[in-house]
Amino acid sequence: MRIVFMGTPDFAVPALAALIEAGYEVVAAYTQPPRPGGRRGKELTPSPVHKEAESRGIEVRHPVSLKGAEEQAAFAALGADVAVVAAYGLLLPQAILDAPRLGCLNIHASILPRWRGAAPIQRAILAGDPTTGVTIMQMEAGLDTGPMLATLRTVIDRKTAGELTAELAEKGARLLVATLRDLAVHRPVPQPDDGVTYAKKIDKAEAQLDFTGQAAQAERQVRAFAPAPGAFFELDGERYKVLSAELSDAMGIPGTTLDHQLTIACGTGAIRPSRVQRAGRPAMTTADLLRGRPVPAGTRIA
């Protein structure tokens, strides 16, 4: 089976590796073009998929768009049996969807039709969903609307977006290989009409902690935005990222510290950051922060 792989971030790398290690012929890897990065953002940095494919001797292509006839002809010329897509970052025109003999399969990080769209992992955490998972689906022109071939669930518990992304990447890779090995069994099933939700792209403004609501929701913000962009609060004009936090039953004026341990009151309950990061500095425990920068009880946090 000749496979074209299409993906960009770390989430997609385990799937590419799993296909190669299972013996499939990956004839090319499509990914987003190198972006400014490195020190001071002056060096063009290839994507994680770009690096993985190059290290394995696979041809890498990174067109800015797939809408042009020339790019579409180059894709079709690969003679792929199937294209595997994992967080690629570009919409696939119909000509691309139709080119592989068996179409295009997508690894989506939710149990569809819940959380179609760009940020399913973060949205599931923010919503307080008890479980999520991965879906292998047949792609069509709509946004994550295609029929499903296989699903696999996992509990969210207290996992951060980073932890859940890594877990679903590995589970999705294994599920993909198992699905490809027996496509005759994994018949496409239409998505149900009920339960459709959309996981819109994360706006960095959403990462500012909201202390007016329930503490549980603020703690979900911390997990949903860890490691990036990082939930944050502001104190004396300085931004502090909160990388992990614990819940507390303590009560007080929302947005006010209740003790000398940086316990911050919410509308209901409180949260106590356990790992934080000041702008331009390495992450540290809250205890280490407070040794050098005490925050007394009654301090107002924005």
Protein backbone atom coordinates (compact mmCIF):
# COMPACT_ATOMS: atom_id res chain seq x y z
CA MET A 1 0.00 0.00 0.00
CA ARG A 2 1.47 3.34 -1.12
CA ILE A 3 0.77 6.05 1.45
CA VAL A 4 1.11 9.82 1.38
CA PHE A 5 1.39 11.24 4.90
CA MET A 6 0.15 14.75 5.67
CA GLY A 7 0.83 16.25 9.10
CA THR A 8 2.76 18.98 10.87
CA PRO A 9 3.05 19.05 14.73
CA ASP A 10 4.35 16.60 17.32
CA PHE A 11 0.88 15.01 17.47
CA ALA A 12 1.38 13.63 13.95
CA VAL A 13 4.87 12.16 14.40
CA PRO A 14 3.88 8.87 16.12
CA ALA A 15 1.49 8.07 13.25
CA LEU A 16 4.20 8.61 10.64
CA ALA A 17 6.63 6.47 12.62
CA ALA A 18 4.03 3.73 13.15
CA LEU A 19 3.26 3.50 9.43
CA ILE A 20 6.93 3.10 8.55
CA GLU A 21 7.60 0.58 11.32
CA ALA A 22 4.54 -1.44 10.22
CA GLY A 23 6.13 -1.82 6.79
CA TYR A 24 3.98 0.55 4.76
CA GLU A 25 5.53 2.45 1.88
CA VAL A 26 5.31 6.16 2.68
CA VAL A 27 6.07 7.77 -0.67
CA ALA A 28 6.02 11.39 0.52
CA ALA A 29 5.29 13.52 3.57
CA TYR A 30 3.39 16.78 3.22
CA THR A 31 3.78 19.33 5.99
CA GLN A 32 3.57 23.05 6.70
CA PRO A 33 6.50 25.16 5.41
CA PRO A 34 9.35 25.95 7.83
CA ARG A 35 8.47 28.84 10.14
CA PRO A 36 10.63 31.45 11.86
CA GLY A 37 12.00 30.06 15.11
CA GLY A 38 15.23 29.42 16.93
CA ARG A 39 16.99 32.22 18.76
CA ARG A 40 15.16 35.52 18.28
CA GLY A 41 12.91 33.91 15.65
CA LYS A 42 15.38 34.53 12.81
CA GLU A 43 15.96 30.94 11.71
CA LEU A 44 13.47 28.97 9.64
CA THR A 45 12.54 25.88 11.63
CA PRO A 46 11.10 22.77 9.94
CA SER A 47 8.04 21.13 11.50
CA PRO A 48 8.32 18.00 13.67
CA VAL A 49 6.92 15.90 10.80
CA HIS A 50 9.43 17.45 8.40
CA LYS A 51 12.30 16.46 10.70
CA GLU A 52 10.95 12.93 11.26
CA ALA A 53 10.39 12.28 7.56
CA GLU A 54 13.82 13.57 6.57
CA SER A 55 15.48 11.42 9.25
CA ARG A 56 13.81 8.37 7.69
CA GLY A 57 14.70 9.24 4.11
CA ILE A 58 11.20 10.20 3.02
CA GLU A 59 10.61 12.96 0.48
CA VAL A 60 9.21 16.08 2.16
CA ARG A 61 6.90 18.53 0.43
CA HIS A 62 5.69 21.74 2.05
CA PRO A 63 3.52 23.73 -0.36
CA VAL A 64 1.89 26.92 0.90
CA SER A 65 -1.37 25.82 -0.73
CA LEU A 66 -2.85 22.80 -2.47
CA LYS A 67 -5.35 24.77 -4.53
CA GLY A 68 -3.24 25.11 -7.66
CA ALA A 69 -3.51 22.68 -10.57
CA GLU A 70 0.26 22.11 -10.58
CA GLU A 71 0.35 21.06 -6.90
CA GLN A 72 -2.68 18.84 -7.38
CA ALA A 73 -1.11 17.14 -10.38
CA ALA A 74 2.11 16.56 -8.42
CA PHE A 75 0.09 14.97 -5.61
CA ALA A 76 -1.85 12.73 -8.00
CA ALA A 77 1.39 11.66 -9.71
CA LEU A 78 2.47 9.93 -6.47
CA GLY A 79 -0.06 7.20 -7.24
CA ALA A 80 -1.06 6.81 -3.59
CA ASP A 81 -3.46 4.14 -2.44
CA VAL A 82 -4.39 6.26 0.56
CA ALA A 83 -3.43 9.55 2.20
CA VAL A 84 -3.18 9.71 5.99
CA VAL A 85 -3.81 13.13 7.53
CA ALA A 86 -2.97 14.14 11.11
CA ALA A 87 -3.16 17.82 12.09
CA TYR A 88 -1.83 18.91 8.70
CA GLY A 89 -3.05 22.51 8.90
CA LEU A 90 -4.32 23.01 5.34
CA LEU A 91 -7.77 22.34 3.91
CA LEU A 92 -7.69 19.62 1.25
CA PRO A 93 -9.41 20.54 -2.04
CA GLN A 94 -11.69 17.95 -3.59
CA ALA A 95 -9.05 17.07 -6.19
CA ILE A 96 -6.67 16.06 -3.39
CA LEU A 97 -9.38 14.12 -1.54
CA ASP A 98 -10.21 12.20 -4.71
CA ALA A 99 -6.65 11.42 -5.85
CA PRO A 100 -5.73 8.39 -3.66
CA ARG A 101 -7.41 5.13 -4.66
CA LEU A 102 -8.88 4.67 -1.16
CA GLY A 103 -9.30 8.35 -0.38
CA CYS A 104 -7.92 10.27 2.62
CA LEU A 105 -8.07 9.08 6.23
CA ASN A 106 -7.84 11.53 9.12
CA ILE A 107 -6.73 10.94 12.72
CA HIS A 108 -8.93 13.28 14.76
CA ALA A 109 -8.37 13.83 18.50
CA SER A 110 -11.95 13.44 19.71
CA ILE A 111 -14.85 11.03 19.47
CA LEU A 112 -16.78 12.54 16.59
CA PRO A 113 -19.13 14.29 16.11
CA ARG A 114 -18.14 15.99 19.39
CA TRP A 115 -15.42 18.58 18.97
CA ARG A 116 -15.04 18.86 15.24
CA GLY A 117 -12.46 21.49 14.40
CA ALA A 118 -9.07 22.89 15.34
CA ALA A 119 -8.72 22.44 19.12
CA PRO A 120 -10.61 19.32 20.23
CA ILE A 121 -8.30 18.43 23.13
CA GLN A 122 -8.36 21.86 24.76
CA ARG A 123 -12.12 22.21 24.28
CA ALA A 124 -12.79 18.81 25.84
CA ILE A 125 -10.79 19.76 28.94
CA LEU A 126 -12.41 23.20 29.23
CA ALA A 127 -15.87 21.66 28.96
CA GLY A 128 -15.14 19.23 31.77
CA ASP A 129 -15.70 16.18 29.57
CA PRO A 130 -14.93 12.98 31.51
CA THR A 131 -13.66 11.16 28.40
CA THR A 132 -12.36 11.86 24.93
CA GLY A 133 -10.45 9.80 22.37
CA VAL A 134 -9.44 9.48 18.74
CA THR A 135 -11.43 8.82 15.59
CA ILE A 136 -10.15 7.45 12.28
CA MET A 137 -12.44 8.99 9.68
CA GLN A 138 -12.81 9.10 5.91
CA MET A 139 -12.30 12.70 4.86
CA GLU A 140 -14.78 14.67 2.80
CA ALA A 141 -15.22 18.36 1.95
CA GLY A 142 -16.93 19.26 5.26
CA LEU A 143 -15.07 20.11 8.47
CA ASP A 144 -14.52 16.72 10.17
CA THR A 145 -17.89 15.51 8.91
CA GLY A 146 -16.81 12.31 7.16
CA PRO A 147 -17.82 8.75 8.09
CA MET A 148 -15.94 7.00 10.89
CA LEU A 149 -13.90 3.82 10.53
CA ALA A 150 -12.73 3.32 14.13
CA THR A 151 -12.73 5.03 17.54
CA LEU A 152 -10.84 4.62 20.81
CA ARG A 153 -11.71 6.29 24.14
CA THR A 154 -9.65 7.42 27.12
CA VAL A 155 -10.45 9.20 30.40
CA ILE A 156 -9.37 12.83 30.76
CA ASP A 157 -9.07 12.86 34.57
CA ARG A 158 -6.56 15.59 35.61
CA LYS A 159 -4.46 15.43 32.44
CA THR A 160 -3.10 18.57 30.82
CA ALA A 161 -3.53 19.28 27.13
CA GLY A 162 0.12 18.36 26.63
CA GLU A 163 -0.25 15.02 28.38
CA LEU A 164 -3.50 14.21 26.58
CA THR A 165 -2.05 15.19 23.21
CA ALA A 166 0.89 12.82 23.69
CA GLU A 167 -1.41 10.00 24.81
CA LEU A 168 -3.86 10.43 21.93
CA ALA A 169 -1.02 10.70 19.41
CA GLU A 170 0.25 7.26 20.45
CA LYS A 171 -3.21 5.71 20.67
CA GLY A 172 -4.18 7.23 17.32
CA ALA A 173 -1.06 5.85 15.67
CA ARG A 174 -1.81 2.33 16.87
CA LEU A 175 -5.47 2.61 15.88
CA LEU A 176 -4.52 3.85 12.42
CA VAL A 177 -2.24 0.89 11.73
CA ALA A 178 -4.84 -1.57 13.01
CA THR A 179 -7.47 0.05 10.77
CA LEU A 180 -5.30 -0.04 7.66
CA ARG A 181 -4.43 -3.68 8.25
CA ASP A 182 -8.08 -4.67 7.98
CA LEU A 183 -9.97 -2.05 6.02
CA ALA A 184 -12.53 -4.65 4.99
CA VAL A 185 -13.67 -4.90 8.62
CA HIS A 186 -13.54 -1.17 9.37
CA ARG A 187 -16.45 -0.09 7.20
CA PRO A 188 -17.20 3.67 7.20
CA VAL A 189 -20.12 4.56 9.48
CA PRO A 190 -21.86 7.94 9.12
CA GLN A 191 -21.49 10.27 12.08
CA PRO A 192 -24.65 10.67 14.18
CA ASP A 193 -26.65 13.87 13.69
CA ASP A 194 -26.89 14.46 17.44
CA GLY A 195 -24.07 15.69 19.65
CA VAL A 196 -22.26 17.87 17.13
CA THR A 197 -19.97 20.49 18.74
CA TYR A 198 -17.21 22.64 17.27
CA ALA A 199 -13.75 23.11 18.74
CA LYS A 200 -12.82 26.57 17.55
CA LYS A 201 -9.18 27.65 17.48
CA ILE A 202 -7.78 28.81 20.82
CA ASP A 203 -7.56 32.58 21.29
CA LYS A 204 -4.67 33.54 23.57
CA ALA A 205 -7.02 35.89 25.44
CA GLU A 206 -8.88 32.79 26.69
CA ALA A 207 -5.79 31.82 28.67
CA GLN A 208 -6.20 34.65 31.21
CA LEU A 209 -7.52 33.01 34.36
CA ASP A 210 -11.08 33.90 35.29
CA PHE A 211 -11.46 34.02 39.08
CA THR A 212 -15.12 35.10 39.00
CA GLY A 213 -16.47 31.62 38.28
CA GLN A 214 -15.96 28.22 39.84
CA ALA A 215 -12.48 27.21 40.90
CA ALA A 216 -12.94 23.96 38.97
CA GLN A 217 -13.28 25.93 35.74
CA ALA A 218 -10.14 27.97 36.46
CA GLU A 219 -8.25 24.72 37.10
CA ARG A 220 -9.50 23.42 33.74
CA GLN A 221 -8.08 26.53 32.11
CA VAL A 222 -4.71 25.69 33.63
CA ARG A 223 -4.78 22.14 32.24
CA ALA A 224 -6.27 23.08 28.86
CA PHE A 225 -3.57 25.66 28.18
CA ALA A 226 -0.58 23.71 29.50
CA PRO A 227 2.03 23.79 28.12
CA ALA A 228 0.90 26.40 25.56
CA PRO A 229 -0.13 29.15 25.47
CA GLY A 230 -0.17 28.85 29.27
CA ALA A 231 -2.95 30.04 31.58
CA PHE A 232 -1.89 33.24 33.32
CA PHE A 233 -2.69 35.96 35.83
CA GLU A 234 -1.21 39.41 36.25
CA LEU A 235 0.28 40.86 39.43
CA ASP A 236 1.70 44.37 39.66
CA GLY A 237 1.81 44.58 35.87
CA GLU A 238 3.76 41.34 35.44
CA ARG A 239 2.38 38.21 33.81
CA TYR A 240 2.69 34.85 35.59
CA LYS A 241 1.93 31.60 33.76
CA VAL A 242 0.30 28.88 35.86
CA LEU A 243 1.47 25.46 34.65
CA SER A 244 -0.31 23.41 37.32
CA ALA A 245 -2.72 24.13 40.17
CA GLU A 246 -4.66 22.44 42.96
CA LEU A 247 -8.25 23.01 44.03
CA SER A 248 -9.18 24.32 47.47
CA ASP A 249 -12.50 24.64 49.31
CA ALA A 250 -11.43 27.98 50.82
CA MET A 251 -13.67 30.96 50.13
CA GLY A 252 -13.04 34.68 49.82
CA ILE A 253 -13.28 37.68 47.53
CA PRO A 254 -12.74 36.43 43.96
CA GLY A 255 -9.28 37.28 42.65
CA THR A 256 -7.80 37.81 46.12
CA THR A 257 -5.10 35.72 47.79
CA LEU A 258 -6.28 33.95 50.94
CA ASP A 259 -2.94 33.05 52.52
CA HIS A 260 0.82 33.26 52.00
CA GLN A 261 0.82 30.22 49.67
CA LEU A 262 -0.78 32.02 46.71
CA THR A 263 -4.21 30.44 47.20
CA ILE A 264 -6.51 32.59 45.03
CA ALA A 265 -10.24 32.84 45.74
CA CYS A 266 -12.70 32.24 42.91
CA GLY A 267 -16.45 32.79 42.73
CA THR A 268 -16.78 29.34 44.26
CA GLY A 269 -13.78 27.74 45.98
CA ALA A 270 -10.17 28.63 45.23
CA ILE A 271 -7.13 27.45 43.31
CA ARG A 272 -3.55 27.19 44.53
CA PRO A 273 -0.94 27.34 41.73
CA SER A 274 1.74 24.71 42.27
CA ARG A 275 4.04 25.46 39.33
CA VAL A 276 4.44 28.90 37.78
CA GLN A 277 6.60 30.84 35.35
CA ARG A 278 7.45 34.53 35.34
CA ALA A 279 8.00 36.23 32.00
CA GLY A 280 11.47 35.52 30.66
CA ARG A 281 12.33 33.09 33.47
CA PRO A 282 12.31 29.29 33.88
CA ALA A 283 9.34 27.48 35.40
CA MET A 284 9.51 26.89 39.16
CA THR A 285 7.42 25.64 42.04
CA THR A 286 5.21 28.20 43.74
CA ALA A 287 7.18 27.69 46.94
CA ASP A 288 10.37 28.71 45.14
CA LEU A 289 8.65 31.73 43.64
CA LEU A 290 7.33 32.92 46.99
CA ARG A 291 10.75 32.68 48.61
CA GLY A 292 11.99 35.38 46.29
CA ARG A 293 8.73 37.20 45.64
CA PRO A 294 6.35 37.00 48.64
CA VAL A 295 2.66 37.54 47.94
CA PRO A 296 0.82 38.33 51.20
CA ALA A 297 -2.77 37.38 51.97
CA GLY A 298 -5.26 39.93 50.67
CA THR A 299 -3.28 40.71 47.48
CA ARG A 300 -5.45 41.45 44.48
CA ILE A 301 -4.73 39.26 41.44
CA ALA A 302 -5.87 40.25 37.95
